[in-house]
Amino acid sequence: MKKKETLWELLGRLDQEAGEFNMYLSEANRYFDTAAKKTRDVLDRQEKDLHTTITKVRRALKQFTRKYKDEKKDNRKDKKKS
């Protein structure tokens, strides 16, 4: 049969368990913060890559649009001459 705890023993045990719980909670928070930082770094890098890609596409589209307009002008001039 178990020996009954006195109130002071119970409070001491609960205080010790609360301390251990806080230690594990602190460690879990540290892991969470580390994961959040690494995730943020990955997202920032992907956002930067996305903006770089968008810039390249815009430049290419601008060049394509210029060529298309120039070809369209040339075709109109040729039709007027005919």
Protein backbone atom coordinates (compact mmCIF):
# COMPACT_ATOMS: atom_id res chain seq x y z
CA MET A 1 0.00 0.00 0.00
CA LYS A 2 1.23 3.48 -0.85
CA LYS A 3 2.15 5.88 1.85
CA LYS A 4 -0.08 8.94 1.87
CA GLU A 5 1.58 12.24 1.02
CA THR A 6 1.38 15.13 3.34
CA LEU A 7 0.25 18.45 1.97
CA TRP A 8 3.81 19.78 1.98
CA GLU A 9 5.14 16.72 0.16
CA LEU A 10 2.38 17.06 -2.42
CA LEU A 11 3.15 20.74 -2.93
CA GLY A 12 6.87 19.97 -3.27
CA ARG A 13 6.20 17.23 -5.83
CA LEU A 14 3.81 19.44 -7.79
CA ASP A 15 6.35 22.27 -7.76
CA GLN A 16 9.01 19.92 -9.11
CA GLU A 17 6.68 18.63 -11.84
CA ALA A 18 5.72 22.21 -12.76
CA GLY A 19 9.43 23.05 -13.10
CA GLU A 20 10.01 20.05 -15.36
CA PHE A 21 6.94 20.96 -17.41
CA ASN A 22 8.21 24.53 -17.84
CA MET A 23 11.62 23.20 -18.91
CA TYR A 24 10.02 20.96 -21.58
CA LEU A 25 7.74 23.79 -22.68
CA SER A 26 10.74 26.10 -23.04
CA GLU A 27 12.55 23.50 -25.13
CA ALA A 28 9.48 23.00 -27.34
CA ASN A 29 9.22 26.77 -27.85
CA ARG A 30 12.88 26.88 -28.85
CA TYR A 31 12.30 24.15 -31.44
CA PHE A 32 9.24 25.99 -32.71
CA ASP A 33 11.16 29.26 -33.00
CA THR A 34 13.99 27.53 -34.86
CA ALA A 35 11.56 25.89 -37.28
CA ALA A 36 9.71 29.17 -37.80
CA LYS A 37 12.98 31.01 -38.56
CA LYS A 38 14.10 28.39 -41.06
CA THR A 39 10.67 28.40 -42.70
CA ARG A 40 10.76 32.19 -42.93
CA ASP A 41 14.24 32.02 -44.52
CA VAL A 42 13.00 29.53 -47.12
CA LEU A 43 9.92 31.65 -47.87
CA ASP A 44 12.03 34.81 -48.19
CA ARG A 45 14.41 33.07 -50.58
CA GLN A 46 11.50 31.75 -52.68
CA GLU A 47 9.89 35.20 -52.74
CA LYS A 48 13.16 36.71 -53.93
CA ASP A 49 13.45 34.05 -56.64
CA LEU A 50 9.85 34.69 -57.67
CA HIS A 51 10.45 38.43 -58.00
CA THR A 52 13.58 37.76 -60.05
CA THR A 53 11.61 35.45 -62.36
CA ILE A 54 8.81 38.01 -62.71
CA THR A 55 11.36 40.67 -63.64
CA LYS A 56 12.88 38.39 -66.31
CA VAL A 57 9.45 37.55 -67.73
CA ARG A 58 8.51 41.24 -67.90
CA ARG A 59 11.72 42.08 -69.76
CA ALA A 60 11.20 39.23 -72.19
CA LEU A 61 7.56 40.19 -72.69
CA LYS A 62 8.52 43.81 -73.29
CA GLN A 63 11.03 42.74 -75.97
CA PHE A 64 8.51 40.37 -77.53
CA THR A 65 5.85 43.10 -77.58
CA ARG A 66 8.26 45.54 -79.25
CA LYS A 67 9.14 43.01 -81.94
CA TYR A 68 5.48 42.21 -82.49
CA LYS A 69 4.57 45.90 -82.85
CA ASP A 70 7.49 46.49 -85.21
CA GLU A 71 6.43 43.54 -87.37
CA LYS A 72 2.86 44.79 -87.39
CA LYS A 73 4.02 48.27 -88.50
CA ASP A 74 6.16 46.75 -91.24
CA ASN A 75 3.22 44.68 -92.48
CA ARG A 76 0.99 47.78 -92.60
CA LYS A 77 3.62 49.73 -94.55
CA ASP A 78 3.98 46.87 -97.01
CA LYS A 79 0.22 46.70 -97.53
CA LYS A 80 -0.03 50.45 -98.14
CA LYS A 81 2.72 50.29 -100.76
CA SER A 82 0.97 47.52 -102.63
